[in-house]
Amino acid sequence: MLTKTLAIVLHAMKYGESRLIVDMFTRTHGRLSFIVSIPKSAKAKLKKQYFQPLTILEVEADIRPQLQLQKLREARLAVATISIASDPGKLAIGFFVAEFLFHTLRYPGEDAGVFDYVEGAVRWLEERQEGFANFHLVLLIRLSGWLGCRPNLEGYREGCYFDLREGTFVEQPPLHRDFLMPEDAGKMGLVMRMDFATMHLFRMSHNERNQLLEVILRYYRIHLPGLPELKSVEVLMAVFGE
């Protein structure tokens, strides 16, 4: 069926001399893979630079659910993510977020609510000039609600432990090893209270930010089995290490 929709680029891989396989998160059909022919002409409508991570496109495609690769007919920029592509910090965040979404948004299907949230987050990052170092932490913890594993903030008190398996704060350490000690549990409660508008008010050191990212990814791996080690994590941690 011929469909026009917004789409967020997650991953692109060269396929032959003039084609790409592009994974995109679409507003109407969820996660889909497309075969894209890139003409060599400078006047061509489809350009290779359109398919960078987190680029937001308006696309027209012949979507057939039974096919593994959909055919992309047209694409144009819906948001020119210039600062994400040029700022080293934003670029590292963009690659990380795109890789995370690539592995967690695994299936086709309509999920406009998730799409709208991610699109709004990308637009926010593009427009923000400073104070975005905690962006990836907020995005990941907020997405947990959409992905069915949001931690429960109720019951938190200073000195509590955090049970990673149950996603809850508890007064006594669980009988398994998947829990956070009170100091780290408090940081988990902190990031759960952040949003994009207020996150710049929460000061964290480089080590604290990276430790919290490791905790959040550990939490996701417990609740979303199959989530691999993400290649972009090391670069992200290095960029915000200064």
Protein backbone atom coordinates (compact mmCIF):
# COMPACT_ATOMS: atom_id res chain seq x y z
CA MET A 1 0.00 0.00 0.00
CA LEU A 2 1.36 3.40 -0.96
CA THR A 3 1.93 5.30 2.27
CA LYS A 4 3.21 8.74 3.21
CA THR A 5 4.58 9.02 6.73
CA LEU A 6 7.21 10.57 8.95
CA ALA A 7 10.22 8.35 9.65
CA ILE A 8 13.30 8.51 11.87
CA VAL A 9 16.48 6.94 10.51
CA LEU A 10 18.03 4.37 12.87
CA HIS A 11 20.65 2.59 10.78
CA ALA A 12 21.93 2.48 7.21
CA MET A 13 24.15 -0.11 5.55
CA LYS A 14 25.66 -0.07 2.08
CA TYR A 15 24.21 -2.74 -0.22
CA GLY A 16 26.00 -3.04 -3.54
CA GLU A 17 27.36 -0.07 -5.42
CA SER A 18 24.40 2.29 -5.34
CA ARG A 19 21.93 1.00 -2.77
CA LEU A 20 21.40 1.16 0.98
CA ILE A 21 19.44 -0.94 3.42
CA VAL A 22 17.94 1.58 5.82
CA ASP A 23 16.15 0.79 9.06
CA MET A 24 13.64 3.46 10.02
CA PHE A 25 11.07 3.99 12.73
CA THR A 26 7.91 5.15 10.98
CA ARG A 27 4.91 6.83 12.54
CA THR A 28 2.34 4.66 10.75
CA HIS A 29 4.01 1.23 10.69
CA GLY A 30 6.66 1.22 13.41
CA ARG A 31 10.10 -0.22 12.67
CA LEU A 32 10.66 -1.12 9.00
CA SER A 33 13.61 -1.88 6.73
CA PHE A 34 13.85 -0.23 3.31
CA ILE A 35 15.90 -0.83 0.19
CA VAL A 36 17.00 2.55 -1.12
CA SER A 37 18.60 3.27 -4.48
CA ILE A 38 20.89 6.30 -4.42
CA PRO A 39 21.34 7.80 -7.89
CA LYS A 40 24.74 9.37 -8.62
CA SER A 41 23.21 12.50 -10.12
CA ALA A 42 23.51 15.64 -7.99
CA LYS A 43 19.92 16.49 -8.92
CA ALA A 44 18.53 13.18 -7.64
CA LYS A 45 15.68 13.40 -5.12
CA LEU A 46 17.15 10.71 -2.84
CA LYS A 47 20.47 11.69 -1.31
CA LYS A 48 22.80 9.56 0.81
CA GLN A 49 23.10 12.25 3.47
CA TYR A 50 19.37 11.90 4.23
CA PHE A 51 20.04 8.57 5.91
CA GLN A 52 22.20 9.63 8.85
CA PRO A 53 21.14 8.47 12.36
CA LEU A 54 18.16 10.37 13.83
CA THR A 55 17.39 12.25 10.62
CA ILE A 56 13.65 12.89 10.45
CA LEU A 57 12.21 12.35 6.98
CA GLU A 58 8.92 12.59 5.18
CA VAL A 59 8.82 9.41 3.11
CA GLU A 60 6.58 7.80 0.53
CA ALA A 61 6.84 4.03 0.26
CA ASP A 62 5.01 1.03 -1.09
CA ILE A 63 4.59 -0.78 2.24
CA ARG A 64 3.75 -4.47 2.08
CA PRO A 65 3.84 -6.13 5.52
CA GLN A 66 4.79 -9.54 4.12
CA LEU A 67 8.08 -8.18 2.70
CA GLN A 68 11.28 -7.89 4.72
CA LEU A 69 12.51 -4.95 2.65
CA GLN A 70 10.13 -2.18 1.69
CA LYS A 71 10.64 -0.08 -1.42
CA LEU A 72 11.21 3.61 -0.77
CA ARG A 73 9.88 5.87 -3.51
CA GLU A 74 10.54 9.36 -2.20
CA ALA A 75 12.09 11.02 0.83
CA ARG A 76 12.67 14.59 1.88
CA LEU A 77 13.93 16.22 5.05
CA ALA A 78 11.24 16.98 7.59
CA VAL A 79 13.78 18.35 10.07
CA ALA A 80 17.26 19.45 9.06
CA THR A 81 19.26 18.03 11.98
CA ILE A 82 22.27 20.19 11.25
CA SER A 83 23.50 20.69 14.81
CA ILE A 84 23.16 16.98 15.66
CA ALA A 85 25.38 16.16 12.70
CA SER A 86 27.98 18.85 13.44
CA ASP A 87 28.27 19.12 17.23
CA PRO A 88 30.55 16.35 18.60
CA GLY A 89 28.48 15.88 21.76
CA LYS A 90 25.17 15.74 19.94
CA LEU A 91 26.64 13.47 17.27
CA ALA A 92 27.80 10.96 19.91
CA ILE A 93 24.38 11.08 21.57
CA GLY A 94 22.68 10.66 18.19
CA PHE A 95 24.64 7.55 17.27
CA PHE A 96 23.99 6.04 20.70
CA VAL A 97 20.25 6.78 20.73
CA ALA A 98 19.83 5.51 17.17
CA GLU A 99 21.68 2.28 18.01
CA PHE A 100 19.62 1.79 21.16
CA LEU A 101 16.36 2.30 19.27
CA PHE A 102 17.57 0.00 16.49
CA HIS A 103 17.84 -2.85 19.00
CA THR A 104 14.77 -2.10 21.14
CA LEU A 105 12.17 -1.10 18.53
CA ARG A 106 12.41 -4.50 16.90
CA TYR A 107 9.03 -5.12 15.34
CA PRO A 108 6.75 -3.56 12.73
CA GLY A 109 3.44 -2.17 13.87
CA GLU A 110 1.73 1.14 14.46
CA ASP A 111 2.96 2.93 17.59
CA ALA A 112 2.41 6.62 17.01
CA GLY A 113 2.80 7.50 20.69
CA VAL A 114 6.37 6.22 20.86
CA PHE A 115 7.17 7.87 17.54
CA ASP A 116 5.83 11.25 18.65
CA TYR A 117 7.89 11.09 21.84
CA VAL A 118 11.12 10.22 20.03
CA GLU A 119 10.49 12.79 17.29
CA GLY A 120 9.88 15.50 19.89
CA ALA A 121 13.06 14.50 21.71
CA VAL A 122 15.14 14.70 18.51
CA ARG A 123 13.70 18.12 17.68
CA TRP A 124 14.53 19.30 21.22
CA LEU A 125 18.13 18.08 20.93
CA GLU A 126 18.53 19.75 17.54
CA GLU A 127 17.41 23.12 18.89
CA ARG A 128 19.25 23.00 22.23
CA GLN A 129 22.57 24.85 22.29
CA GLU A 130 23.79 23.73 25.73
CA GLY A 131 22.74 21.75 28.78
CA PHE A 132 22.05 18.48 26.92
CA ALA A 133 24.67 16.20 28.55
CA ASN A 134 21.96 14.19 30.34
CA PHE A 135 19.75 13.87 27.27
CA HIS A 136 20.39 10.17 26.65
CA LEU A 137 19.73 9.28 30.29
CA VAL A 138 16.36 11.03 30.29
CA LEU A 139 15.37 9.57 26.92
CA LEU A 140 16.18 6.01 27.99
CA ILE A 141 14.41 6.18 31.34
CA ARG A 142 11.33 7.83 29.82
CA LEU A 143 11.18 5.31 26.99
CA SER A 144 10.99 2.48 29.54
CA GLY A 145 7.32 3.34 30.06
CA TRP A 146 6.56 2.95 26.36
CA LEU A 147 8.54 -0.31 26.25
CA GLY A 148 6.63 -1.80 29.17
CA CYS A 149 9.31 -1.77 31.87
CA ARG A 150 9.16 1.62 33.57
CA PRO A 151 10.63 1.57 37.10
CA ASN A 152 8.26 2.34 39.95
CA LEU A 153 9.31 5.48 41.82
CA GLU A 154 6.74 4.98 44.58
CA GLY A 155 8.11 3.84 47.89
CA TYR A 156 11.49 5.52 47.52
CA ARG A 157 13.08 6.67 50.74
CA GLU A 158 16.67 7.52 51.49
CA GLY A 159 18.57 4.33 52.27
CA CYS A 160 16.42 2.09 50.07
CA TYR A 161 17.82 -0.48 47.67
CA PHE A 162 16.61 -0.76 44.06
CA ASP A 163 15.55 -4.16 42.79
CA LEU A 164 16.48 -4.19 39.09
CA ARG A 165 14.39 -7.28 38.37
CA GLU A 166 11.19 -5.90 39.88
CA GLY A 167 11.87 -2.25 39.05
CA THR A 168 11.01 -1.17 42.59
CA PHE A 169 12.66 0.35 45.65
CA VAL A 170 12.89 -1.98 48.62
CA GLU A 171 14.02 -1.57 52.22
CA GLN A 172 16.07 -4.78 52.34
CA PRO A 173 18.47 -6.15 49.70
CA PRO A 174 16.83 -8.86 47.52
CA LEU A 175 18.02 -12.46 47.61
CA HIS A 176 19.49 -12.13 44.09
CA ARG A 177 22.36 -10.01 42.78
CA ASP A 178 20.41 -7.70 40.48
CA PHE A 179 19.98 -4.75 42.77
CA LEU A 180 21.52 -1.35 43.51
CA MET A 181 23.00 -0.29 46.81
CA PRO A 182 21.33 2.76 48.45
CA GLU A 183 23.75 5.33 46.99
CA ASP A 184 23.20 4.15 43.42
CA ALA A 185 19.49 3.61 44.05
CA GLY A 186 19.22 7.27 44.95
CA LYS A 187 20.75 8.23 41.60
CA MET A 188 18.20 6.04 39.83
CA GLY A 189 15.45 7.91 41.64
CA LEU A 190 17.08 11.18 40.61
CA VAL A 191 17.13 10.46 36.88
CA MET A 192 13.52 9.26 37.03
CA ARG A 193 12.53 12.74 38.17
CA MET A 194 14.34 14.48 35.29
CA ASP A 195 12.83 15.68 32.05
CA PHE A 196 14.31 17.62 29.14
CA ALA A 197 13.22 20.98 30.57
CA THR A 198 14.80 20.45 33.98
CA MET A 199 17.70 18.05 33.45
CA HIS A 200 20.27 20.87 33.23
CA LEU A 201 19.51 21.65 36.87
CA PHE A 202 20.82 18.24 37.97
CA ARG A 203 24.60 18.38 38.20
CA MET A 204 26.49 15.13 37.68
CA SER A 205 30.15 14.38 37.26
CA HIS A 206 31.46 12.49 34.25
CA ASN A 207 31.83 9.31 36.31
CA GLU A 208 28.36 9.61 37.83
CA ARG A 209 26.77 10.07 34.42
CA ASN A 210 28.59 7.10 32.93
CA GLN A 211 27.84 4.87 35.92
CA LEU A 212 24.17 5.77 35.68
CA LEU A 213 24.15 4.96 31.97
CA GLU A 214 25.64 1.54 32.74
CA VAL A 215 22.93 0.95 35.36
CA ILE A 216 20.12 1.90 32.97
CA LEU A 217 21.50 -0.36 30.24
CA ARG A 218 21.85 -3.19 32.77
CA TYR A 219 18.20 -2.63 33.73
CA TYR A 220 17.12 -2.81 30.09
CA ARG A 221 19.08 -6.02 29.48
CA ILE A 222 17.21 -7.65 32.36
CA HIS A 223 13.81 -6.59 31.01
CA LEU A 224 14.54 -6.79 27.27
CA PRO A 225 16.55 -10.00 26.78
CA GLY A 226 18.70 -9.93 23.67
CA LEU A 227 19.80 -6.30 23.96
CA PRO A 228 23.49 -6.52 22.95
CA GLU A 229 26.48 -4.49 24.01
CA LEU A 230 26.15 -1.19 22.16
CA LYS A 231 29.17 -0.17 20.10
CA SER A 232 28.48 3.55 20.52
CA VAL A 233 28.64 3.55 24.33
CA GLU A 234 32.42 3.87 24.50
CA VAL A 235 32.47 6.88 22.19
CA LEU A 236 29.60 8.52 24.07
CA MET A 237 31.38 8.12 27.40
CA ALA A 238 34.63 9.48 25.96
CA VAL A 239 33.01 12.60 24.47
CA PHE A 240 31.49 13.57 27.80
CA GLY A 241 34.65 12.71 29.69
CA GLU A 242 36.20 16.14 29.53
